[in-house]
Amino acid sequence: MPRLALAAVLIALTPATFVSAQARTRDNFAIATPFEVGESPAGNYLAALVAGAERDTVAAATFFREALRFDPNNPKLIERAFVAAVSNGNMPEAISLAERLVAREPDNTLAHLVLGVQAIKKGQFAAARAHFMRGGPGQQRDITATLLTAWAYLGEGNQKKALEFADRLRDENFGVFRDYHAGLIASVAGNTPEAARRLKAAYQADKNTLRLADAYARFLARRGDIAQAITVYVDFDQILPSHPSILAALADLKAGKPLDLVVKTPEQGAAEVLYGLGAAGGRQGDELAAMIYLRLSLYLAPQNSLAIITLADLYERIKQNEQAIDVYALVPEKDPQRITADIQTGLILETLGRSEDSSAFLKRIVSEHPSNGEALAALGNLQRTHKQYADAIATYTKAIDEVNKTGKAGWALYYFRGISYERNKQWPLAEADFKQALALAPDQPLILNYLGYSWVDQGLNLDEAFAMLHKAVDLHPTDGYIVDSLGWANYKLGRYDDAVKELERAIDLKPADPVVNDHLGDAYWKVGRKLEAHFQWNHARDLGPEPDDKDRILKKIEHGLSDDPKPAAADADPKDQAASKENGG
């Protein structure tokens, strides 16, 4: 059966891209790898540099702090320790270091940014503006300083000046950002007509962004336009189904409950600027800048669950998983996204190799929220990963039943339940699920790949199966696992020349995969290229295959392949390896 690209599987694992530390102290999951500072200043400095390069903000801040203790007047060391402190959210330390920095470097942009943010938190808006106007040149600084200055003017009650500063962002690349913040400023100032015009313009320019849709809908609801607010939420739900914040807001509106505005104070407005810049920086791959903006945003608005989750997700992407768990723990207990954050914590535990903790944690979430389809799907995925196929089938069935109540069951649930049925040797049920998944997502290469290969493997629907596999390859021509499936399907049907052609393409895409190398070795043998076959098998052996596969590979290295002409009798059965690759093994 086919193997799947890990990235594609992970996208399907969680439908939408936490624990309050106080409420869940019993779940102290984030046990970071221990480290100790040394006696050598040079050693601590080097350790800080390594930690900083790996974006291990806890270690970087700790080692730089210790290095600075030995050399307190070193300007470069002060700056590095300052950046590490900000990115780790150590705001008192960062503020102290920022004051030392500006005394030495009056134009240090980041230090002035931190001091300006502190001034906003204290309500010292004139001082904040003075800091934001200082610093070196640069487009990013201009955007940040301009919008933060606008909010600082509003803090003094000067709406006219605030809107004037927001409108200084004349580049239309920032048009949505400009109108969004101008609308928020007008809303906080009580200028309803201007707020309505600006927020509507921002929303209509980008209806696919959660924050814009949520802010506009909440504004509409607060001015009494409940029907239009519901329409905005329903429309967004078609774009990103079942997002917890959207569902919670819709439920409140339908129950006649009021919705809070996204931003109610200048301090929250400044936090929103920093959150938006941090989220954009994270999407563009600028992790350090994103961390700094998000930490400053949370300094001003520590309850902003979107900023918390964005920061935690950033830590996940750079593989700082223990810190991700710590950040997820900051999501407030009553927040709609709390369950999503809990689920992510459970999945991180699996990534950390703590499978028992992960399973127990996800099971507890399901027991506490038995109708939550996202939690059920996550548990089903974990059970399938650990080859608990009967349990996975039962869990996926519950998830499908729950999600179908809203009419929003997606292809992924049927697809993964189909895999579980197939692995549990219940092919008719598996086939039915794959067909249902394909009906929901006719151009999804993962489904085309799996169903097409499975039919070829059983000698069924061959023309349709090969059409599916070719379509999957056309849709994802750089996915080595899908190309390997097409090549292996050719092999299983005795089309050895075609198999060699496709499997050589797969090797170019996945040169370090033991299964692909094993397959190519088999195909080479069948076309008479036996020396090359042995080379591929030896390479497959050295790449760490699964134990059962390694035994088969060793036998082929010693004896070659049987001359049995039946294509279906190929030695290397990819099914077990498929399970490994499908789940990222």
Protein backbone atom coordinates (compact mmCIF):
# COMPACT_ATOMS: atom_id res chain seq x y z
CA MET A 1 0.00 0.00 0.00
CA PRO A 2 1.15 3.54 -0.58
CA ARG A 3 3.16 5.65 1.82
CA LEU A 4 2.25 9.24 2.52
CA ALA A 5 4.28 12.41 2.75
CA LEU A 6 4.50 13.39 6.42
CA ALA A 7 3.60 17.03 5.81
CA ALA A 8 0.42 16.07 4.00
CA VAL A 9 -0.62 13.73 6.79
CA LEU A 10 0.00 16.31 9.48
CA ILE A 11 -2.18 18.83 7.65
CA ALA A 12 -5.02 16.36 7.79
CA LEU A 13 -4.48 15.38 11.40
CA THR A 14 -5.88 18.54 12.94
CA PRO A 15 -8.86 20.27 11.31
CA ALA A 16 -8.06 23.82 12.32
CA THR A 17 -4.71 25.57 12.96
CA PHE A 18 -4.20 24.20 27.12
CA VAL A 19 -4.11 24.28 29.84
CA SER A 20 -4.26 27.03 32.41
CA ALA A 21 -1.23 26.47 34.61
CA GLN A 22 -3.34 27.19 37.66
CA ALA A 23 -6.17 24.86 36.68
CA ARG A 24 -4.04 21.93 35.54
CA THR A 25 -1.01 21.91 37.76
CA ARG A 26 -1.37 18.12 37.89
CA ASP A 27 -0.31 18.03 34.22
CA ASN A 28 3.29 19.22 34.44
CA PHE A 29 4.16 17.85 31.03
CA ALA A 30 6.80 20.30 29.87
CA ILE A 31 9.89 18.77 31.43
CA ALA A 32 12.68 20.35 29.42
CA THR A 33 16.08 18.75 28.98
CA PRO A 34 18.06 19.92 32.03
CA PHE A 35 21.09 22.10 31.55
CA GLU A 36 23.55 23.78 33.88
CA VAL A 37 25.45 27.01 33.54
CA GLY A 38 29.19 26.63 33.75
CA GLU A 39 31.96 28.45 35.53
CA SER A 40 33.60 29.54 32.29
CA PRO A 41 32.31 32.86 30.86
CA ALA A 42 33.46 31.80 27.41
CA GLY A 43 31.68 28.46 27.76
CA ASN A 44 28.44 30.12 28.83
CA TYR A 45 28.71 32.57 25.93
CA LEU A 46 29.22 29.80 23.39
CA ALA A 47 26.36 27.81 24.90
CA ALA A 48 24.16 30.90 24.61
CA LEU A 49 25.08 31.32 20.93
CA VAL A 50 24.22 27.67 20.20
CA ALA A 51 20.92 27.94 22.09
CA GLY A 52 20.07 31.15 20.26
CA ALA A 53 20.75 29.57 16.88
CA GLU A 54 18.40 26.72 17.81
CA ARG A 55 15.78 29.21 19.06
CA ASP A 56 15.93 27.60 22.51
CA THR A 57 14.90 30.83 24.17
CA VAL A 58 15.02 29.51 27.75
CA ALA A 59 18.60 28.29 27.46
CA ALA A 60 19.72 31.33 25.45
CA ALA A 61 18.33 33.76 28.02
CA THR A 62 19.86 31.77 30.88
CA PHE A 63 23.33 31.45 29.38
CA PHE A 64 23.48 35.07 28.18
CA ARG A 65 22.41 36.25 31.63
CA GLU A 66 25.21 34.23 33.19
CA ALA A 67 27.77 35.41 30.64
CA LEU A 68 26.75 39.02 31.25
CA ARG A 69 27.29 38.57 34.96
CA PHE A 70 31.01 38.06 34.28
CA ASP A 71 31.25 40.94 31.78
CA PRO A 72 28.48 43.40 32.68
CA ASN A 73 29.68 46.32 30.55
CA ASN A 74 30.16 44.48 27.26
CA PRO A 75 27.77 46.29 24.85
CA LYS A 76 27.42 43.38 22.43
CA LEU A 77 26.74 41.01 25.28
CA ILE A 78 24.13 43.38 26.72
CA GLU A 79 22.38 43.47 23.35
CA ARG A 80 22.41 39.70 22.90
CA ALA A 81 21.18 39.14 26.46
CA PHE A 82 18.44 41.71 25.82
CA VAL A 83 17.22 40.04 22.64
CA ALA A 84 17.24 36.64 24.36
CA ALA A 85 15.25 38.01 27.30
CA VAL A 86 12.60 39.60 25.06
CA SER A 87 12.18 36.50 22.90
CA ASN A 88 11.76 34.39 26.03
CA GLY A 89 9.21 36.78 27.53
CA ASN A 90 11.37 37.82 30.50
CA MET A 91 9.99 41.35 30.38
CA PRO A 92 11.39 42.85 33.63
CA GLU A 93 14.87 41.71 32.63
CA ALA A 94 14.35 42.85 29.02
CA ILE A 95 13.21 46.31 30.15
CA SER A 96 16.22 46.70 32.43
CA LEU A 97 18.58 45.71 29.63
CA ALA A 98 16.76 47.99 27.17
CA GLU A 99 17.42 50.96 29.47
CA ARG A 100 21.11 50.08 29.57
CA LEU A 101 21.17 49.71 25.79
CA VAL A 102 19.63 53.08 24.93
CA ALA A 103 22.06 54.76 27.30
CA ARG A 104 24.86 53.38 25.12
CA GLU A 105 23.05 53.25 21.76
CA PRO A 106 20.45 56.02 21.58
CA ASP A 107 19.09 54.75 18.25
CA ASN A 108 18.63 51.09 19.16
CA THR A 109 15.23 50.39 17.56
CA LEU A 110 14.30 47.26 19.46
CA ALA A 111 15.24 48.72 22.84
CA HIS A 112 13.04 51.77 22.15
CA LEU A 113 10.23 49.48 21.03
CA VAL A 114 10.34 47.56 24.31
CA LEU A 115 10.50 50.74 26.38
CA GLY A 116 7.65 52.24 24.37
CA VAL A 117 5.52 49.16 24.95
CA GLN A 118 6.26 49.40 28.66
CA ALA A 119 5.20 53.04 28.61
CA ILE A 120 1.87 52.12 26.98
CA LYS A 121 1.29 49.51 29.67
CA LYS A 122 1.87 52.22 32.28
CA GLY A 123 -0.45 54.66 30.49
CA GLN A 124 2.47 56.99 29.69
CA PHE A 125 1.43 57.62 26.09
CA ALA A 126 3.59 60.66 25.36
CA ALA A 127 6.67 58.79 26.55
CA ALA A 128 5.64 55.82 24.42
CA ARG A 129 5.42 58.01 21.31
CA ALA A 130 8.86 59.41 21.99
CA HIS A 131 10.31 55.89 22.08
CA PHE A 132 8.51 54.75 18.94
CA MET A 133 9.85 57.72 16.98
CA ARG A 134 13.43 56.81 17.88
CA GLY A 135 15.51 54.14 16.18
CA GLY A 136 17.10 53.36 12.87
CA PRO A 137 15.40 53.33 9.49
CA GLY A 138 13.53 50.38 8.00
CA GLN A 139 10.11 49.52 6.63
CA GLN A 140 9.23 47.13 9.45
CA ARG A 141 10.13 49.76 12.04
CA ASP A 142 8.03 52.33 10.19
CA ILE A 143 4.94 50.09 10.18
CA THR A 144 5.35 49.19 13.84
CA ALA A 145 6.15 52.70 15.02
CA THR A 146 3.40 54.30 12.94
CA LEU A 147 0.58 52.10 14.23
CA LEU A 148 1.80 52.02 17.82
CA THR A 149 2.09 55.81 17.74
CA ALA A 150 -1.48 55.98 16.45
CA TRP A 151 -2.70 53.95 19.41
CA ALA A 152 -0.61 56.08 21.80
CA TYR A 153 -2.35 59.20 20.49
CA LEU A 154 -5.71 57.54 21.08
CA GLY A 155 -4.56 56.80 24.62
CA GLU A 156 -4.48 60.58 25.15
CA GLY A 157 -7.93 60.93 23.59
CA ASN A 158 -6.68 62.37 20.29
CA GLN A 159 -8.71 60.35 17.77
CA LYS A 160 -7.95 62.74 14.89
CA LYS A 161 -4.19 62.37 15.30
CA ALA A 162 -4.52 58.62 15.79
CA LEU A 163 -6.38 58.16 12.50
CA GLU A 164 -3.96 60.51 10.75
CA PHE A 165 -1.03 58.33 11.81
CA ALA A 166 -2.78 55.12 10.78
CA ASP A 167 -3.37 56.62 7.34
CA ARG A 168 0.34 57.25 6.91
CA LEU A 169 0.55 53.61 5.79
CA ARG A 170 -0.13 54.56 2.18
CA ASP A 171 1.41 51.48 0.58
CA GLU A 172 -1.55 49.38 -0.55
CA ASN A 173 0.33 46.24 0.49
CA PHE A 174 -0.57 47.36 4.00
CA GLY A 175 -4.06 48.58 3.11
CA VAL A 176 -5.89 45.88 5.04
CA PHE A 177 -3.68 46.39 8.11
CA ARG A 178 -4.22 50.17 7.89
CA ASP A 179 -8.00 49.98 7.57
CA TYR A 180 -8.27 47.32 10.26
CA HIS A 181 -6.44 49.42 12.85
CA ALA A 182 -8.12 52.65 11.77
CA GLY A 183 -11.44 50.88 12.25
CA LEU A 184 -10.44 49.61 15.69
CA ILE A 185 -9.24 53.08 16.68
CA ALA A 186 -12.53 54.64 15.58
CA SER A 187 -14.49 51.93 17.39
CA VAL A 188 -12.65 52.49 20.70
CA ALA A 189 -13.14 56.24 20.24
CA GLY A 190 -16.88 55.78 19.73
CA ASN A 191 -16.84 56.96 16.12
CA THR A 192 -19.24 54.31 14.85
CA PRO A 193 -19.64 55.49 11.22
CA GLU A 194 -15.86 55.62 10.63
CA ALA A 195 -15.35 52.31 12.42
CA ALA A 196 -18.04 50.67 10.28
CA ARG A 197 -16.51 52.00 7.04
CA ARG A 198 -12.95 50.96 7.89
CA LEU A 199 -13.68 47.55 9.39
CA LYS A 200 -15.96 46.68 6.49
CA ALA A 201 -13.23 47.68 4.01
CA ALA A 202 -10.65 45.51 5.79
CA TYR A 203 -13.04 42.56 5.99
CA GLN A 204 -14.12 42.77 2.36
CA ALA A 205 -10.50 42.94 1.25
CA ASP A 206 -9.65 39.73 3.12
CA LYS A 207 -12.55 37.54 4.22
CA ASN A 208 -10.26 34.56 4.81
CA THR A 209 -8.54 35.88 7.94
CA LEU A 210 -10.09 34.81 11.23
CA ARG A 211 -9.18 37.95 13.16
CA LEU A 212 -10.67 40.30 10.57
CA ALA A 213 -13.91 38.35 10.34
CA ASP A 214 -14.21 38.03 14.12
CA ALA A 215 -13.49 41.72 14.76
CA TYR A 216 -15.99 42.87 12.12
CA ALA A 217 -18.71 40.50 13.31
CA ARG A 218 -18.26 41.57 16.93
CA PHE A 219 -18.46 45.21 15.91
CA LEU A 220 -21.67 44.53 13.97
CA ALA A 221 -23.16 42.70 16.93
CA ARG A 222 -22.30 45.49 19.36
CA ARG A 223 -24.11 48.04 17.20
CA GLY A 224 -27.14 45.76 17.05
CA ASP A 225 -26.77 44.21 13.59
CA ILE A 226 -27.01 40.64 14.85
CA ALA A 227 -28.21 39.12 11.56
CA GLN A 228 -25.26 40.54 9.61
CA ALA A 229 -22.82 39.43 12.33
CA ILE A 230 -24.18 35.90 12.09
CA THR A 231 -23.78 36.03 8.30
CA VAL A 232 -20.12 37.00 8.65
CA TYR A 233 -19.50 34.07 11.00
CA VAL A 234 -21.44 31.61 8.84
CA ASP A 235 -19.52 32.70 5.75
CA PHE A 236 -16.20 32.23 7.55
CA ASP A 237 -17.33 28.82 8.75
CA GLN A 238 -17.53 27.78 5.09
CA ILE A 239 -13.87 28.76 4.67
CA LEU A 240 -12.54 27.18 7.87
CA PRO A 241 -15.21 24.87 9.26
CA SER A 242 -15.81 24.47 12.98
CA HIS A 243 -13.19 26.86 14.30
CA PRO A 244 -13.89 26.98 18.07
CA SER A 245 -13.89 30.78 18.28
CA ILE A 246 -16.40 31.05 15.46
CA LEU A 247 -18.67 28.34 16.90
CA ALA A 248 -18.57 29.92 20.36
CA ALA A 249 -19.41 33.38 19.00
CA LEU A 250 -22.28 32.00 16.90
CA ALA A 251 -23.66 30.12 19.89
CA ASP A 252 -23.55 33.28 22.04
CA LEU A 253 -25.27 35.36 19.37
CA LYS A 254 -28.03 32.81 18.89
CA ALA A 255 -28.49 32.65 22.66
CA GLY A 256 -28.85 36.43 22.84
CA LYS A 257 -25.57 36.94 24.69
CA PRO A 258 -23.45 40.04 23.98
CA LEU A 259 -20.02 39.71 22.39
CA ASP A 260 -16.99 41.63 23.59
CA LEU A 261 -15.10 43.69 21.04
CA VAL A 262 -11.69 42.40 19.97
CA VAL A 263 -10.12 45.67 21.15
CA LYS A 264 -11.59 47.89 23.85
CA THR A 265 -8.59 49.94 25.01
CA PRO A 266 -5.49 51.58 23.48
CA GLU A 267 -3.34 49.06 25.33
CA GLN A 268 -5.20 46.19 23.65
CA GLY A 269 -4.94 48.02 20.33
CA ALA A 270 -1.16 48.20 20.63
CA ALA A 271 -1.12 44.52 21.53
CA GLU A 272 -3.16 43.81 18.39
CA VAL A 273 -0.55 45.60 16.25
CA LEU A 274 2.20 43.46 17.71
CA TYR A 275 0.16 40.27 17.38
CA GLY A 276 -0.52 40.95 13.70
CA LEU A 277 3.16 41.62 12.99
CA GLY A 278 4.18 38.52 14.91
CA ALA A 279 1.72 36.30 13.07
CA ALA A 280 2.91 37.69 9.72
CA GLY A 281 6.57 37.19 10.66
CA GLY A 282 5.92 33.60 11.66
CA ARG A 283 4.29 32.87 8.29
CA GLN A 284 7.26 34.40 6.48
CA GLY A 285 9.81 32.34 8.41
CA ASP A 286 11.26 35.15 10.51
CA GLU A 287 11.03 33.23 13.79
CA LEU A 288 13.02 35.56 16.04
CA ALA A 289 11.13 38.70 15.02
CA ALA A 290 7.83 36.81 15.33
CA MET A 291 8.71 35.66 18.85
CA ILE A 292 9.61 39.18 19.93
CA TYR A 293 6.42 40.73 18.57
CA LEU A 294 4.26 37.99 20.08
CA ARG A 295 5.97 38.24 23.48
CA LEU A 296 5.44 42.01 23.51
CA SER A 297 1.82 41.54 22.47
CA LEU A 298 1.23 39.13 25.32
CA TYR A 299 2.94 41.53 27.74
CA LEU A 300 0.17 44.01 26.92
CA ALA A 301 -2.69 41.53 26.48
CA PRO A 302 -1.83 38.25 28.24
CA GLN A 303 -5.32 36.79 27.66
CA ASN A 304 -5.13 36.91 23.84
CA SER A 305 -5.49 33.22 23.03
CA LEU A 306 -4.73 33.71 19.33
CA ALA A 307 -1.37 35.28 20.18
CA ILE A 308 -0.68 32.47 22.66
CA ILE A 309 -1.51 29.75 20.16
CA THR A 310 0.46 31.47 17.39
CA LEU A 311 3.52 31.61 19.64
CA ALA A 312 3.10 28.00 20.76
CA ASP A 313 2.70 26.88 17.15
CA LEU A 314 5.88 28.75 16.28
CA TYR A 315 7.75 26.86 19.01
CA GLU A 316 6.36 23.61 17.63
CA ARG A 317 7.55 24.41 14.11
CA ILE A 318 11.09 25.06 15.31
CA LYS A 319 10.94 21.86 17.38
CA GLN A 320 11.09 23.53 20.79
CA ASN A 321 8.32 21.27 22.01
CA GLU A 322 8.67 21.65 25.77
CA GLN A 323 8.40 25.41 25.41
CA ALA A 324 5.40 24.96 23.13
CA ILE A 325 3.63 23.03 25.91
CA ASP A 326 4.45 25.79 28.41
CA VAL A 327 3.00 28.42 26.09
CA TYR A 328 -0.15 26.40 25.32
CA ALA A 329 -0.68 26.26 29.09
CA LEU A 330 -1.28 30.03 29.06
CA VAL A 331 -4.60 29.79 27.19
CA PRO A 332 -7.34 30.84 29.63
CA GLU A 333 -9.49 28.09 31.07
CA LYS A 334 -12.76 29.43 29.66
CA ASP A 335 -11.43 30.32 26.22
CA PRO A 336 -13.10 28.58 23.24
CA GLN A 337 -9.69 27.49 21.94
CA ARG A 338 -8.73 25.77 25.16
CA ILE A 339 -9.68 22.30 23.85
CA THR A 340 -7.67 22.83 20.68
CA ALA A 341 -4.68 23.80 22.78
CA ASP A 342 -5.13 20.73 24.97
CA ILE A 343 -5.21 18.55 21.87
CA GLN A 344 -1.97 20.09 20.61
CA THR A 345 -0.37 19.39 23.97
CA GLY A 346 -1.38 15.75 23.66
CA LEU A 347 0.06 15.51 20.16
CA ILE A 348 3.33 17.12 21.27
CA LEU A 349 3.67 14.50 23.98
CA GLU A 350 3.57 11.86 21.25
CA THR A 351 6.22 13.78 19.30
CA LEU A 352 8.37 13.75 22.43
CA GLY A 353 8.11 9.95 22.60
CA ARG A 354 5.80 10.01 25.61
CA SER A 355 3.10 7.86 24.03
CA GLU A 356 1.46 6.72 27.25
CA ASP A 357 1.12 10.29 28.50
CA SER A 358 -0.21 11.34 25.11
CA SER A 359 -2.81 8.58 24.99
CA ALA A 360 -3.96 9.17 28.57
CA PHE A 361 -4.18 12.91 28.03
CA LEU A 362 -6.17 12.66 24.79
CA LYS A 363 -8.49 10.05 26.30
CA ARG A 364 -9.19 12.38 29.19
CA ILE A 365 -10.00 15.22 26.79
CA VAL A 366 -12.44 12.93 24.97
CA SER A 367 -14.02 11.82 28.23
CA GLU A 368 -14.49 15.46 29.26
CA HIS A 369 -15.73 16.51 25.80
CA PRO A 370 -17.25 13.39 24.22
CA SER A 371 -18.91 15.31 21.40
CA ASN A 372 -15.79 17.18 20.29
CA GLY A 373 -14.92 15.86 16.82
CA GLU A 374 -11.44 17.36 16.84
CA ALA A 375 -10.51 15.59 20.07
CA LEU A 376 -11.93 12.30 18.80
CA ALA A 377 -10.02 12.65 15.53
CA ALA A 378 -6.77 13.32 17.36
CA LEU A 379 -7.23 10.24 19.56
CA GLY A 380 -8.10 8.12 16.52
CA ASN A 381 -4.97 9.30 14.75
CA LEU A 382 -2.85 8.37 17.76
CA GLN A 383 -4.42 4.91 17.98
CA ARG A 384 -3.89 4.33 14.26
CA THR A 385 -0.25 5.43 14.57
CA HIS A 386 0.26 2.73 17.21
CA LYS A 387 -1.53 0.09 15.09
CA GLN A 388 -4.49 -0.09 17.46
CA TYR A 389 -6.76 -0.35 14.45
CA ALA A 390 -9.92 -1.66 16.13
CA ASP A 391 -9.76 1.15 18.71
CA ALA A 392 -9.04 3.69 15.98
CA ILE A 393 -12.07 2.51 13.96
CA ALA A 394 -14.34 2.93 16.98
CA THR A 395 -12.95 6.39 17.73
CA TYR A 396 -13.16 7.58 14.12
CA THR A 397 -16.74 6.32 13.93
CA LYS A 398 -17.66 8.43 16.96
CA ALA A 399 -15.90 11.42 15.38
CA ILE A 400 -17.75 10.96 12.09
CA ASP A 401 -21.07 10.62 13.89
CA GLU A 402 -20.46 13.80 15.89
CA VAL A 403 -19.17 15.87 12.98
CA ASN A 404 -21.96 14.68 10.70
CA LYS A 405 -24.45 16.24 13.10
CA THR A 406 -23.23 19.57 11.75
CA GLY A 407 -23.02 18.30 8.16
CA LYS A 408 -19.29 19.04 8.02
CA ALA A 409 -17.55 15.68 8.08
CA GLY A 410 -14.47 16.08 5.91
CA TRP A 411 -12.59 13.62 3.78
CA ALA A 412 -9.81 13.06 6.33
CA LEU A 413 -11.98 11.20 8.85
CA TYR A 414 -13.27 8.75 6.23
CA TYR A 415 -9.79 8.39 4.76
CA PHE A 416 -8.11 7.55 8.06
CA ARG A 417 -10.91 5.24 9.13
CA GLY A 418 -10.53 3.56 5.73
CA ILE A 419 -6.83 3.01 6.41
CA SER A 420 -7.70 1.50 9.78
CA TYR A 421 -10.28 -0.82 8.21
CA GLU A 422 -7.75 -1.88 5.55
CA ARG A 423 -5.06 -2.59 8.12
CA ASN A 424 -7.62 -4.49 10.18
CA LYS A 425 -8.32 -6.69 7.12
CA GLN A 426 -11.83 -5.31 6.57
CA TRP A 427 -11.43 -4.34 2.91
CA PRO A 428 -15.10 -3.84 1.92
CA LEU A 429 -15.56 -1.29 4.71
CA ALA A 430 -12.21 0.32 3.88
CA GLU A 431 -13.13 0.64 0.21
CA ALA A 432 -16.45 2.25 1.10
CA ASP A 433 -14.69 4.84 3.26
CA PHE A 434 -12.09 5.61 0.59
CA LYS A 435 -14.87 6.12 -1.96
CA GLN A 436 -16.71 8.42 0.45
CA ALA A 437 -13.52 10.39 1.07
CA LEU A 438 -12.96 10.65 -2.67
CA ALA A 439 -16.51 11.89 -3.19
CA LEU A 440 -15.80 14.68 -0.69
CA ALA A 441 -12.35 15.49 -2.14
CA PRO A 442 -12.06 14.19 -5.72
CA ASP A 443 -8.64 15.78 -6.28
CA GLN A 444 -7.00 14.76 -3.01
CA PRO A 445 -3.80 12.91 -4.02
CA LEU A 446 -3.58 10.96 -0.76
CA ILE A 447 -6.93 9.28 -1.40
CA LEU A 448 -6.22 8.70 -5.09
CA ASN A 449 -2.87 7.18 -4.16
CA TYR A 450 -4.17 4.86 -1.47
CA LEU A 451 -7.30 3.59 -3.21
CA GLY A 452 -5.59 3.29 -6.59
CA TYR A 453 -2.70 1.32 -5.16
CA SER A 454 -4.99 -0.92 -3.13
CA TRP A 455 -6.99 -1.83 -6.22
CA VAL A 456 -3.82 -2.62 -8.17
CA ASP A 457 -2.55 -4.71 -5.28
CA GLN A 458 -5.73 -6.81 -5.47
CA GLY A 459 -5.98 -6.85 -9.26
CA LEU A 460 -9.21 -4.84 -9.21
CA ASN A 461 -10.42 -1.96 -11.39
CA LEU A 462 -6.99 -1.71 -13.00
CA ASP A 463 -7.73 0.98 -15.59
CA GLU A 464 -9.39 3.22 -13.02
CA ALA A 465 -6.66 2.46 -10.47
CA PHE A 466 -3.82 3.47 -12.78
CA ALA A 467 -5.72 6.59 -13.80
CA MET A 468 -5.95 7.49 -10.09
CA LEU A 469 -2.25 6.89 -9.50
CA HIS A 470 -1.25 8.96 -12.52
CA LYS A 471 -3.58 11.74 -11.38
CA ALA A 472 -2.05 11.63 -7.89
CA VAL A 473 1.43 11.94 -9.36
CA ASP A 474 0.31 14.79 -11.62
CA LEU A 475 -1.12 16.60 -8.59
CA HIS A 476 1.97 15.98 -6.44
CA PRO A 477 4.84 15.26 -8.84
CA THR A 478 7.47 15.95 -6.17
CA ASP A 479 6.03 13.56 -3.58
CA GLY A 480 8.44 10.65 -3.62
CA TYR A 481 6.05 8.35 -1.78
CA ILE A 482 3.27 8.85 -4.31
CA VAL A 483 5.68 8.36 -7.23
CA ASP A 484 6.95 5.22 -5.48
CA SER A 485 3.36 3.92 -5.31
CA LEU A 486 2.94 4.30 -9.05
CA GLY A 487 6.26 2.56 -9.66
CA TRP A 488 5.46 -0.26 -7.27
CA ALA A 489 2.03 -0.72 -8.83
CA ASN A 490 3.73 -1.17 -12.21
CA TYR A 491 6.04 -3.71 -10.58
CA LYS A 492 3.17 -5.66 -9.06
CA LEU A 493 1.62 -6.01 -12.53
CA GLY A 494 4.86 -7.10 -14.13
CA ARG A 495 5.46 -3.83 -15.98
CA TYR A 496 9.08 -3.82 -14.92
CA ASP A 497 10.46 -1.26 -17.39
CA ASP A 498 7.77 1.22 -16.36
CA ALA A 499 8.43 0.36 -12.73
CA VAL A 500 12.13 1.18 -13.10
CA LYS A 501 11.33 4.52 -14.70
CA GLU A 502 8.97 5.63 -11.91
CA LEU A 503 11.05 4.19 -9.07
CA GLU A 504 14.16 6.00 -10.31
CA ARG A 505 12.11 9.20 -10.13
CA ALA A 506 11.06 8.28 -6.61
CA ILE A 507 14.69 7.68 -5.60
CA ASP A 508 15.61 11.16 -6.84
CA LEU A 509 12.89 12.56 -4.57
CA LYS A 510 13.47 10.27 -1.54
CA PRO A 511 17.08 9.03 -1.80
CA ALA A 512 17.33 8.15 1.90
CA ASP A 513 14.15 6.10 2.17
CA PRO A 514 14.83 2.37 2.70
CA VAL A 515 11.55 1.23 1.13
CA VAL A 516 12.04 3.16 -2.10
CA ASN A 517 15.58 1.81 -2.41
CA ASP A 518 14.32 -1.72 -1.77
CA HIS A 519 11.63 -1.36 -4.42
CA LEU A 520 14.08 -0.06 -6.99
CA GLY A 521 16.40 -2.96 -6.24
CA ASP A 522 13.58 -5.42 -6.96
CA ALA A 523 12.72 -3.66 -10.22
CA TYR A 524 16.36 -3.63 -11.33
CA TRP A 525 16.59 -7.36 -10.67
CA LYS A 526 13.54 -8.05 -12.82
CA VAL A 527 15.00 -6.17 -15.81
CA GLY A 528 18.33 -7.96 -15.50
CA ARG A 529 20.31 -5.16 -13.82
CA LYS A 530 21.37 -7.43 -10.97
CA LEU A 531 24.53 -5.59 -9.90
CA GLU A 532 22.50 -2.39 -9.48
CA ALA A 533 19.82 -4.38 -7.65
CA HIS A 534 22.37 -5.50 -5.07
CA PHE A 535 23.60 -1.93 -4.71
CA GLN A 536 20.04 -0.68 -3.94
CA TRP A 537 19.36 -3.51 -1.50
CA ASN A 538 22.61 -2.84 0.33
CA HIS A 539 21.71 0.84 0.48
CA ALA A 540 18.22 -0.02 1.79
CA ARG A 541 19.77 -2.26 4.45
CA ASP A 542 22.01 0.61 5.63
CA LEU A 543 19.16 3.13 5.88
CA GLY A 544 17.51 1.50 8.91
CA PRO A 545 14.50 -0.42 7.58
CA GLU A 546 11.93 -2.05 9.85
CA PRO A 547 13.18 -5.36 11.33
CA ASP A 548 10.94 -7.60 9.20
CA ASP A 549 11.87 -5.68 6.08
CA LYS A 550 15.54 -5.92 6.94
CA ASP A 551 15.30 -9.71 7.15
CA ARG A 552 13.78 -9.83 3.66
CA ILE A 553 16.39 -7.44 2.30
CA LEU A 554 19.23 -9.54 3.74
CA LYS A 555 17.80 -12.66 2.08
CA LYS A 556 17.66 -10.85 -1.26
CA ILE A 557 21.22 -9.65 -0.87
CA GLU A 558 22.31 -13.25 -0.31
CA HIS A 559 20.06 -15.10 -2.76
CA GLY A 560 18.54 -12.52 -5.11
CA LEU A 561 14.89 -12.70 -6.12
CA SER A 562 13.02 -15.82 -7.05
CA ASP A 563 12.53 -16.35 -10.78
CA ASP A 564 8.84 -16.91 -10.09
CA PRO A 565 7.19 -15.08 -12.97
CA LYS A 566 4.13 -14.09 -10.96
CA PRO A 567 4.35 -10.34 -10.32
CA ALA A 568 2.28 -10.60 -7.14
CA ALA A 569 4.96 -12.77 -5.54
CA ALA A 570 7.43 -9.90 -5.12
CA ASP A 571 9.56 -10.27 -2.02
CA ALA A 572 9.27 -6.76 -0.66
CA ASP A 573 5.75 -6.26 0.62
CA PRO A 574 5.45 -2.53 1.31
CA LYS A 575 2.50 -2.70 3.68
CA ASP A 576 4.34 -2.49 6.97
CA GLN A 577 6.66 0.18 5.66
CA ALA A 578 3.61 2.05 4.41
CA ALA A 579 2.28 2.30 7.92
CA SER A 580 5.58 3.72 9.09
CA LYS A 581 5.82 6.37 6.42
CA GLU A 582 2.17 7.30 6.59
CA ASN A 583 2.65 8.23 10.23
CA GLY A 584 5.98 9.93 9.87
CA GLY A 585 8.11 6.93 10.87
